């Protein structure tokens, strides 16, 4: 297996059983997908939903990151003021 292209995940047995059911339902009447392909399909569907919901928000006139949303100045000031490394956690150092 090419370790630069693939990773392994562990899931609960119940989740694995659910994935097996979904593998049969994604392409009904055909050979069930592999568990890894089922995960791929589900993740891609979720990401597409996210992109679609952002487009819907943009169409409604809401600002999003993709349309160049800039937070209000008071929020920017607060983040700048509170982002000092004086009190940062060990990962900030």
PDB file of N, CA and C in Angstrom:
ATOM      1  N   UNK A   1       0.845  -1.174   0.000  1.00  0.00           N
ATOM      2  CA  UNK A   1       0.000   0.000   0.000  1.00  0.00           C
ATOM      3  C   UNK A   1       0.892   1.240   0.000  1.00  0.00           C
ATOM      4  N   UNK A   2       0.512   2.244  -0.750  1.00  0.00           N
ATOM      5  CA  UNK A   2       1.261   3.491  -0.835  1.00  0.00           C
ATOM      6  C   UNK A   2       0.906   4.373   0.360  1.00  0.00           C
ATOM      7  N   UNK A   3       1.835   4.506   1.310  1.00  0.00           N
ATOM      8  CA  UNK A   3       1.560   5.260   2.527  1.00  0.00           C
ATOM      9  C   UNK A   3       1.433   6.760   2.279  1.00  0.00           C
ATOM     10  N   UNK A   4       1.878   7.241   1.126  1.00  0.00           N
ATOM     11  CA  UNK A   4       1.733   8.669   0.836  1.00  0.00           C
ATOM     12  C   UNK A   4       0.329   9.003   0.354  1.00  0.00           C
ATOM     13  N   UNK A   5      -0.436   7.999  -0.056  1.00  0.00           N
ATOM     14  CA  UNK A   5      -1.793   8.230  -0.568  1.00  0.00           C
ATOM     15  C   UNK A   5      -2.908   7.782   0.375  1.00  0.00           C
ATOM     16  N   UNK A   6      -2.594   6.904   1.313  1.00  0.00           N
ATOM     17  CA  UNK A   6      -3.642   6.307   2.127  1.00  0.00           C
ATOM     18  C   UNK A   6      -3.329   6.396   3.615  1.00  0.00           C
ATOM     19  N   UNK A   7      -4.391   6.430   4.404  1.00  0.00           N
ATOM     20  CA  UNK A   7      -4.288   6.336   5.857  1.00  0.00           C
ATOM     21  C   UNK A   7      -5.357   5.370   6.335  1.00  0.00           C
ATOM     22  N   UNK A   8      -5.208   4.911   7.533  1.00  0.00           N
ATOM     23  CA  UNK A   8      -6.143   3.964   8.103  1.00  0.00           C
ATOM     24  C   UNK A   8      -6.952   4.658   9.192  1.00  0.00           C
ATOM     25  N   UNK A   9      -8.204   4.262   9.358  1.00  0.00           N
ATOM     26  CA  UNK A   9      -9.019   4.777  10.459  1.00  0.00           C
ATOM     27  C   UNK A   9      -9.633   3.599  11.200  1.00  0.00           C
ATOM     28  N   UNK A  10      -9.946   3.814  12.458  1.00  0.00           N
ATOM     29  CA  UNK A  10     -10.656   2.809  13.250  1.00  0.00           C
ATOM     30  C   UNK A  10     -12.011   3.385  13.611  1.00  0.00           C
ATOM     31  N   UNK A  11     -13.021   2.555  13.523  1.00  0.00           N
ATOM     32  CA  UNK A  11     -14.371   2.982  13.882  1.00  0.00           C
ATOM     33  C   UNK A  11     -14.982   1.936  14.807  1.00  0.00           C
ATOM     34  N   UNK A  12     -15.996   2.355  15.531  1.00  0.00           N
ATOM     35  CA  UNK A  12     -16.709   1.418  16.391  1.00  0.00           C
ATOM     36  C   UNK A  12     -17.369   0.349  15.521  1.00  0.00           C
ATOM     37  N   UNK A  13     -17.584  -0.808  16.110  1.00  0.00           N
ATOM     38  CA  UNK A  13     -18.202  -1.909  15.352  1.00  0.00           C
ATOM     39  C   UNK A  13     -19.578  -1.515  14.825  1.00  0.00           C
ATOM     40  N   UNK A  14     -20.312  -0.758  15.609  1.00  0.00           N
ATOM     41  CA  UNK A  14     -21.646  -0.309  15.174  1.00  0.00           C
ATOM     42  C   UNK A  14     -21.522   0.599  13.944  1.00  0.00           C
ATOM     43  N   UNK A  15     -20.540   1.489  13.956  1.00  0.00           N
ATOM     44  CA  UNK A  15     -20.313   2.376  12.818  1.00  0.00           C
ATOM     45  C   UNK A  15     -19.917   1.563  11.591  1.00  0.00           C
ATOM     46  N   UNK A  16     -19.083   0.564  11.794  1.00  0.00           N
ATOM     47  CA  UNK A  16     -18.665  -0.302  10.692  1.00  0.00           C
ATOM     48  C   UNK A  16     -19.880  -1.015  10.091  1.00  0.00           C
ATOM     49  N   UNK A  17     -20.765  -1.512  10.952  1.00  0.00           N
ATOM     50  CA  UNK A  17     -21.979  -2.178  10.478  1.00  0.00           C
ATOM     51  C   UNK A  17     -22.851  -1.196   9.694  1.00  0.00           C
ATOM     52  N   UNK A  18     -22.949   0.030  10.176  1.00  0.00           N
ATOM     53  CA  UNK A  18     -23.719   1.054   9.461  1.00  0.00           C
ATOM     54  C   UNK A  18     -23.094   1.366   8.105  1.00  0.00           C
ATOM     55  N   UNK A  19     -21.763   1.414   8.071  1.00  0.00           N
ATOM     56  CA  UNK A  19     -21.077   1.654   6.799  1.00  0.00           C
ATOM     57  C   UNK A  19     -21.345   0.522   5.806  1.00  0.00           C
ATOM     58  N   UNK A  20     -21.398  -0.705   6.308  1.00  0.00           N
ATOM     59  CA  UNK A  20     -21.702  -1.841   5.414  1.00  0.00           C
ATOM     60  C   UNK A  20     -23.104  -1.712   4.829  1.00  0.00           C
ATOM     61  N   UNK A  21     -24.058  -1.275   5.654  1.00  0.00           N
ATOM     62  CA  UNK A  21     -25.425  -1.061   5.146  1.00  0.00           C
ATOM     63  C   UNK A  21     -25.431   0.041   4.087  1.00  0.00           C
ATOM     64  N   UNK A  22     -24.759   1.151   4.396  1.00  0.00           N
ATOM     65  CA  UNK A  22     -24.705   2.267   3.453  1.00  0.00           C
ATOM     66  C   UNK A  22     -23.994   1.876   2.157  1.00  0.00           C
ATOM     67  N   UNK A  23     -22.983   1.027   2.258  1.00  0.00           N
ATOM     68  CA  UNK A  23     -22.239   0.577   1.076  1.00  0.00           C
ATOM     69  C   UNK A  23     -23.165  -0.118   0.076  1.00  0.00           C
ATOM     70  N   UNK A  24     -24.181  -0.793   0.588  1.00  0.00           N
ATOM     71  CA  UNK A  24     -25.153  -1.473  -0.280  1.00  0.00           C
ATOM     72  C   UNK A  24     -26.181  -0.505  -0.846  1.00  0.00           C
ATOM     73  N   UNK A  25     -26.459   0.581  -0.125  1.00  0.00           N
ATOM     74  CA  UNK A  25     -27.517   1.514  -0.512  1.00  0.00           C
ATOM     75  C   UNK A  25     -27.058   2.606  -1.487  1.00  0.00           C
ATOM     76  N   UNK A  26     -25.767   2.897  -1.497  1.00  0.00           N
ATOM     77  CA  UNK A  26     -25.289   4.001  -2.333  1.00  0.00           C
ATOM     78  C   UNK A  26     -25.519   3.710  -3.809  1.00  0.00           C
ATOM     79  N   UNK A  27     -25.233   2.497  -4.253  1.00  0.00           N
ATOM     80  CA  UNK A  27     -25.497   2.086  -5.634  1.00  0.00           C
ATOM     81  C   UNK A  27     -26.362   0.837  -5.606  1.00  0.00           C
ATOM     82  N   UNK A  28     -27.672   1.003  -5.362  1.00  0.00           N
ATOM     83  CA  UNK A  28     -28.544  -0.167  -5.227  1.00  0.00           C
ATOM     84  C   UNK A  28     -28.534  -1.033  -6.487  1.00  0.00           C
ATOM     85  N   UNK A  29     -28.599  -2.350  -6.274  1.00  0.00           N
ATOM     86  CA  UNK A  29     -28.633  -3.283  -7.395  1.00  0.00           C
ATOM     87  C   UNK A  29     -27.263  -3.596  -7.969  1.00  0.00           C
ATOM     88  N   UNK A  30     -26.241  -3.003  -7.421  1.00  0.00           N
ATOM     89  CA  UNK A  30     -24.878  -3.261  -7.894  1.00  0.00           C
ATOM     90  C   UNK A  30     -24.050  -3.828  -6.753  1.00  0.00           C
ATOM     91  N   UNK A  31     -22.845  -4.187  -7.041  1.00  0.00           N
ATOM     92  CA  UNK A  31     -21.936  -4.681  -6.007  1.00  0.00           C
ATOM     93  C   UNK A  31     -21.724  -3.584  -4.975  1.00  0.00           C
ATOM     94  N   UNK A  32     -21.847  -3.917  -3.686  1.00  0.00           N
ATOM     95  CA  UNK A  32     -21.647  -2.886  -2.658  1.00  0.00           C
ATOM     96  C   UNK A  32     -20.251  -2.261  -2.761  1.00  0.00           C
ATOM     97  N   UNK A  33     -20.165  -1.004  -2.403  1.00  0.00           N
ATOM     98  CA  UNK A  33     -18.882  -0.320  -2.375  1.00  0.00           C
ATOM     99  C   UNK A  33     -18.033  -0.882  -1.240  1.00  0.00           C
ATOM    100  N   UNK A  34     -16.745  -0.685  -1.346  1.00  0.00           N
ATOM    101  CA  UNK A  34     -15.878  -1.039  -0.226  1.00  0.00           C
ATOM    102  C   UNK A  34     -16.152  -0.047   0.905  1.00  0.00           C
ATOM    103  N   UNK A  35     -15.741  -0.392   2.094  1.00  0.00           N
ATOM    104  CA  UNK A  35     -15.933   0.511   3.230  1.00  0.00           C
ATOM    105  C   UNK A  35     -15.167   1.815   2.994  1.00  0.00           C
ATOM    106  N   UNK A  36     -13.930   1.709   2.497  1.00  0.00           N
ATOM    107  CA  UNK A  36     -13.149   2.931   2.263  1.00  0.00           C
ATOM    108  C   UNK A  36     -13.798   3.813   1.194  1.00  0.00           C
ATOM    109  N   UNK A  37     -14.339   3.211   0.138  1.00  0.00           N
ATOM    110  CA  UNK A  37     -15.010   4.001  -0.899  1.00  0.00           C
ATOM    111  C   UNK A  37     -16.295   4.616  -0.344  1.00  0.00           C
ATOM    112  N   UNK A  38     -16.977   3.905   0.521  1.00  0.00           N
ATOM    113  CA  UNK A  38     -18.190   4.428   1.154  1.00  0.00           C
ATOM    114  C   UNK A  38     -17.859   5.665   1.979  1.00  0.00           C
ATOM    115  N   UNK A  39     -16.772   5.595   2.744  1.00  0.00           N
ATOM    116  CA  UNK A  39     -16.343   6.761   3.523  1.00  0.00           C
ATOM    117  C   UNK A  39     -16.015   7.908   2.579  1.00  0.00           C
ATOM    118  N   UNK A  40     -15.298   7.637   1.480  1.00  0.00           N
ATOM    119  CA  UNK A  40     -14.979   8.673   0.491  1.00  0.00           C
ATOM    120  C   UNK A  40     -16.242   9.358  -0.020  1.00  0.00           C
ATOM    121  N   UNK A  41     -17.224   8.557  -0.408  1.00  0.00           N
ATOM    122  CA  UNK A  41     -18.471   9.096  -0.959  1.00  0.00           C
ATOM    123  C   UNK A  41     -19.187   9.962   0.077  1.00  0.00           C
ATOM    124  N   UNK A  42     -19.293   9.470   1.312  1.00  0.00           N
ATOM    125  CA  UNK A  42     -19.996  10.211   2.355  1.00  0.00           C
ATOM    126  C   UNK A  42     -19.299  11.532   2.688  1.00  0.00           C
ATOM    127  N   UNK A  43     -17.974  11.498   2.761  1.00  0.00           N
ATOM    128  CA  UNK A  43     -17.222  12.726   3.052  1.00  0.00           C
ATOM    129  C   UNK A  43     -17.394  13.728   1.909  1.00  0.00           C
ATOM    130  N   UNK A  44     -17.282  13.261   0.673  1.00  0.00           N
ATOM    131  CA  UNK A  44     -17.445  14.163  -0.470  1.00  0.00           C
ATOM    132  C   UNK A  44     -18.843  14.759  -0.533  1.00  0.00           C
ATOM    133  N   UNK A  45     -19.869  13.949  -0.220  1.00  0.00           N
ATOM    134  CA  UNK A  45     -21.240  14.472  -0.180  1.00  0.00           C
ATOM    135  C   UNK A  45     -21.380  15.559   0.874  1.00  0.00           C
ATOM    136  N   UNK A  46     -20.800  15.328   2.043  1.00  0.00           N
ATOM    137  CA  UNK A  46     -20.879  16.314   3.125  1.00  0.00           C
ATOM    138  C   UNK A  46     -20.182  17.605   2.726  1.00  0.00           C
ATOM    139  N   UNK A  47     -19.021  17.494   2.104  1.00  0.00           N
ATOM    140  CA  UNK A  47     -18.304  18.692   1.666  1.00  0.00           C
ATOM    141  C   UNK A  47     -19.095  19.450   0.605  1.00  0.00           C
ATOM    142  N   UNK A  48     -19.753  18.726  -0.299  1.00  0.00           N
ATOM    143  CA  UNK A  48     -20.575  19.373  -1.314  1.00  0.00           C
ATOM    144  C   UNK A  48     -21.761  20.102  -0.684  1.00  0.00           C
ATOM    145  N   UNK A  49     -22.354  19.506   0.355  1.00  0.00           N
ATOM    146  CA  UNK A  49     -23.445  20.173   1.083  1.00  0.00           C
ATOM    147  C   UNK A  49     -22.957  21.486   1.673  1.00  0.00           C
ATOM    148  N   UNK A  50     -21.756  21.462   2.235  1.00  0.00           N
ATOM    149  CA  UNK A  50     -21.189  22.651   2.846  1.00  0.00           C
ATOM    150  C   UNK A  50     -20.985  23.740   1.796  1.00  0.00           C
ATOM    151  N   UNK A  51     -20.427  23.366   0.652  1.00  0.00           N
ATOM    152  CA  UNK A  51     -20.198  24.328  -0.426  1.00  0.00           C
ATOM    153  C   UNK A  51     -21.536  24.871  -0.915  1.00  0.00           C
ATOM    154  N   UNK A  52     -22.529  23.995  -1.065  1.00  0.00           N
ATOM    155  CA  UNK A  52     -23.850  24.426  -1.521  1.00  0.00           C
ATOM    156  C   UNK A  52     -24.500  25.384  -0.531  1.00  0.00           C
ATOM    157  N   UNK A  53     -24.341  25.110   0.774  1.00  0.00           N
ATOM    158  CA  UNK A  53     -24.952  25.994   1.767  1.00  0.00           C
ATOM    159  C   UNK A  53     -24.257  27.349   1.772  1.00  0.00           C
ATOM    160  N   UNK A  54     -22.942  27.381   1.532  1.00  0.00           N
ATOM    161  CA  UNK A  54     -22.241  28.668   1.437  1.00  0.00           C
ATOM    162  C   UNK A  54     -22.731  29.455   0.237  1.00  0.00           C
ATOM    163  N   UNK A  55     -22.934  28.754  -0.895  1.00  0.00           N
ATOM    164  CA  UNK A  55     -23.432  29.439  -2.083  1.00  0.00           C
ATOM    165  C   UNK A  55     -24.822  30.004  -1.821  1.00  0.00           C
ATOM    166  N   UNK A  56     -25.650  29.244  -1.109  1.00  0.00           N
ATOM    167  CA  UNK A  56     -26.993  29.719  -0.783  1.00  0.00           C
ATOM    168  C   UNK A  56     -26.916  30.970   0.086  1.00  0.00           C
ATOM    169  N   UNK A  57     -26.049  30.968   1.084  1.00  0.00           N
ATOM    170  CA  UNK A  57     -25.880  32.151   1.929  1.00  0.00           C
ATOM    171  C   UNK A  57     -25.421  33.348   1.102  1.00  0.00           C
ATOM    172  N   UNK A  58     -24.497  33.104   0.171  1.00  0.00           N
ATOM    173  CA  UNK A  58     -24.015  34.184  -0.680  1.00  0.00           C
ATOM    174  C   UNK A  58     -25.146  34.707  -1.561  1.00  0.00           C
ATOM    175  N   UNK A  59     -25.962  33.806  -2.089  1.00  0.00           N
ATOM    176  CA  UNK A  59     -27.080  34.209  -2.939  1.00  0.00           C
ATOM    177  C   UNK A  59     -28.096  35.035  -2.154  1.00  0.00           C
ATOM    178  N   UNK A  60     -28.197  34.771  -0.851  1.00  0.00           N
ATOM    179  CA  UNK A  60     -29.108  35.533  -0.006  1.00  0.00           C
ATOM    180  C   UNK A  60     -28.522  36.870   0.426  1.00  0.00           C
ATOM    181  N   UNK A  61     -27.272  37.114   0.035  1.00  0.00           N
ATOM    182  CA  UNK A  61     -26.653  38.390   0.354  1.00  0.00           C
ATOM    183  C   UNK A  61     -25.794  38.387   1.596  1.00  0.00           C
ATOM    184  N   UNK A  62     -25.612  37.212   2.223  1.00  0.00           N
ATOM    185  CA  UNK A  62     -24.742  37.134   3.393  1.00  0.00           C
ATOM    186  C   UNK A  62     -23.291  37.134   2.957  1.00  0.00           C
ATOM    187  N   UNK A  63     -22.460  37.747   3.749  1.00  0.00           N
ATOM    188  CA  UNK A  63     -21.037  37.709   3.457  1.00  0.00           C
ATOM    189  C   UNK A  63     -20.440  36.443   4.044  1.00  0.00           C
ATOM    190  N   UNK A  64     -19.594  35.803   3.281  1.00  0.00           N
ATOM    191  CA  UNK A  64     -18.893  34.606   3.733  1.00  0.00           C
ATOM    192  C   UNK A  64     -17.411  34.781   3.435  1.00  0.00           C
ATOM    193  N   UNK A  65     -16.615  33.836   3.870  1.00  0.00           N
ATOM    194  CA  UNK A  65     -15.176  33.912   3.591  1.00  0.00           C
ATOM    195  C   UNK A  65     -14.911  33.993   2.096  1.00  0.00           C
ATOM    196  N   UNK A  66     -15.682  33.268   1.316  1.00  0.00           N
ATOM    197  CA  UNK A  66     -15.433  33.257  -0.128  1.00  0.00           C
ATOM    198  C   UNK A  66     -15.805  34.561  -0.799  1.00  0.00           C
ATOM    199  N   UNK A  67     -16.653  35.362  -0.164  1.00  0.00           N
ATOM    200  CA  UNK A  67     -17.006  36.655  -0.759  1.00  0.00           C
ATOM    201  C   UNK A  67     -16.207  37.789  -0.147  1.00  0.00           C
ATOM    202  N   UNK A  68     -15.217  37.448   0.661  1.00  0.00           N
ATOM    203  CA  UNK A  68     -14.361  38.473   1.225  1.00  0.00           C
ATOM    204  C   UNK A  68     -14.904  39.085   2.499  1.00  0.00           C
ATOM    205  N   UNK A  69     -15.554  38.296   3.324  1.00  0.00           N
ATOM    206  CA  UNK A  69     -16.092  38.786   4.598  1.00  0.00           C
ATOM    207  C   UNK A  69     -14.974  39.322   5.477  1.00  0.00           C
ATOM    208  N   UNK A  70     -15.182  40.492   6.016  1.00  0.00           N
ATOM    209  CA  UNK A  70     -14.248  41.064   6.983  1.00  0.00           C
ATOM    210  C   UNK A  70     -15.008  41.283   8.282  1.00  0.00           C
ATOM    211  N   UNK A  71     -14.505  40.737   9.384  1.00  0.00           N
ATOM    212  CA  UNK A  71     -15.200  40.914  10.657  1.00  0.00           C
ATOM    213  C   UNK A  71     -15.199  42.384  11.078  1.00  0.00           C
ATOM    214  N   UNK A  72     -16.155  42.775  11.911  1.00  0.00           N
ATOM    215  CA  UNK A  72     -16.183  44.151  12.410  1.00  0.00           C
ATOM    216  C   UNK A  72     -14.889  44.494  13.149  1.00  0.00           C
ATOM    217  N   UNK A  73     -14.521  45.757  13.116  1.00  0.00           N
ATOM    218  CA  UNK A  73     -13.259  46.220  13.702  1.00  0.00           C
ATOM    219  C   UNK A  73     -13.143  45.862  15.190  1.00  0.00           C
ATOM    220  N   UNK A  74     -14.248  45.940  15.934  1.00  0.00           N
ATOM    221  CA  UNK A  74     -14.173  45.623  17.364  1.00  0.00           C
ATOM    222  C   UNK A  74     -13.791  44.163  17.601  1.00  0.00           C
ATOM    223  N   UNK A  75     -14.186  43.265  16.721  1.00  0.00           N
ATOM    224  CA  UNK A  75     -13.809  41.856  16.850  1.00  0.00           C
ATOM    225  C   UNK A  75     -12.330  41.694  16.503  1.00  0.00           C
ATOM    226  N   UNK A  76     -11.886  42.363  15.451  1.00  0.00           N
ATOM    227  CA  UNK A  76     -10.471  42.307  15.076  1.00  0.00           C
ATOM    228  C   UNK A  76      -9.611  42.829  16.224  1.00  0.00           C
ATOM    229  N   UNK A  77     -10.018  43.960  16.809  1.00  0.00           N
ATOM    230  CA  UNK A  77      -9.263  44.533  17.933  1.00  0.00           C
ATOM    231  C   UNK A  77      -9.210  43.570  19.108  1.00  0.00           C
ATOM    232  N   UNK A  78     -10.327  42.925  19.418  1.00  0.00           N
ATOM    233  CA  UNK A  78     -10.368  41.992  20.535  1.00  0.00           C
ATOM    234  C   UNK A  78      -9.419  40.821  20.294  1.00  0.00           C
ATOM    235  N   UNK A  79      -9.442  40.271  19.086  1.00  0.00           N
ATOM    236  CA  UNK A  79      -8.566  39.141  18.760  1.00  0.00           C
ATOM    237  C   UNK A  79      -7.112  39.560  18.858  1.00  0.00           C
ATOM    238  N   UNK A  80      -6.785  40.728  18.310  1.00  0.00           N
ATOM    239  CA  UNK A  80      -5.405  41.203  18.372  1.00  0.00           C
ATOM    240  C   UNK A  80      -4.961  41.412  19.823  1.00  0.00           C
ATOM    241  N   UNK A  81      -5.830  41.988  20.627  1.00  0.00           N
ATOM    242  CA  UNK A  81      -5.505  42.263  22.028  1.00  0.00           C
ATOM    243  C   UNK A  81      -5.311  40.967  22.815  1.00  0.00           C
ATOM    244  N   UNK A  82      -6.118  39.957  22.529  1.00  0.00           N
ATOM    245  CA  UNK A  82      -6.098  38.716  23.304  1.00  0.00           C
ATOM    246  C   UNK A  82      -5.240  37.619  22.694  1.00  0.00           C
ATOM    247  N   UNK A  83      -4.506  37.919  21.658  1.00  0.00           N
ATOM    248  CA  UNK A  83      -3.689  36.890  21.036  1.00  0.00           C
ATOM    249  C   UNK A  83      -2.230  36.974  21.447  1.00  0.00           C
ATOM    250  N   UNK A  84      -1.935  37.765  22.491  1.00  0.00           N
ATOM    251  CA  UNK A  84      -0.562  37.842  22.993  1.00  0.00           C
ATOM    252  C   UNK A  84      -0.108  36.466  23.435  1.00  0.00           C
ATOM    253  N   UNK A  85       1.144  36.161  23.204  1.00  0.00           N
ATOM    254  CA  UNK A  85       1.684  34.863  23.629  1.00  0.00           C
ATOM    255  C   UNK A  85       1.996  34.812  25.113  1.00  0.00           C
ATOM    256  N   UNK A  86       1.729  35.908  25.823  1.00  0.00           N
ATOM    257  CA  UNK A  86       1.987  35.935  27.267  1.00  0.00           C
ATOM    258  C   UNK A  86       1.203  34.840  27.980  1.00  0.00           C
ATOM    259  N   UNK A  87      -0.065  34.681  27.588  1.00  0.00           N
ATOM    260  CA  UNK A  87      -0.934  33.717  28.263  1.00  0.00           C
ATOM    261  C   UNK A  87      -1.235  32.528  27.367  1.00  0.00           C
ATOM    262  N   UNK A  88      -0.563  32.419  26.238  1.00  0.00           N
ATOM    263  CA  UNK A  88      -0.859  31.337  25.289  1.00  0.00           C
ATOM    264  C   UNK A  88      -0.567  29.980  25.873  1.00  0.00           C
ATOM    265  N   UNK A  89      -1.189  28.961  25.294  1.00  0.00           N
ATOM    266  CA  UNK A  89      -0.920  27.624  25.797  1.00  0.00           C
ATOM    267  C   UNK A  89       0.415  27.120  25.262  1.00  0.00           C
ATOM    268  N   UNK A  90       0.818  25.950  25.703  1.00  0.00           N
ATOM    269  CA  UNK A  90       2.142  25.437  25.363  1.00  0.00           C
ATOM    270  C   UNK A  90       2.321  25.231  23.862  1.00  0.00           C
ATOM    271  N   UNK A  91       1.222  25.078  23.098  1.00  0.00           N
ATOM    272  CA  UNK A  91       1.324  24.869  21.652  1.00  0.00           C
ATOM    273  C   UNK A  91       1.608  26.169  20.907  1.00  0.00           C
ATOM    274  N   UNK A  92       1.438  27.300  21.543  1.00  0.00           N
ATOM    275  CA  UNK A  92       1.672  28.591  20.902  1.00  0.00           C
ATOM    276  C   UNK A  92       3.144  28.975  20.917  1.00  0.00           C
ATOM    277  N   UNK A  93       3.937  28.252  21.651  1.00  0.00           N
ATOM    278  CA  UNK A  93       5.346  28.638  21.815  1.00  0.00           C
ATOM    279  C   UNK A  93       6.237  27.997  20.808  1.00  0.00           C
TER     280      UNK A  93
END
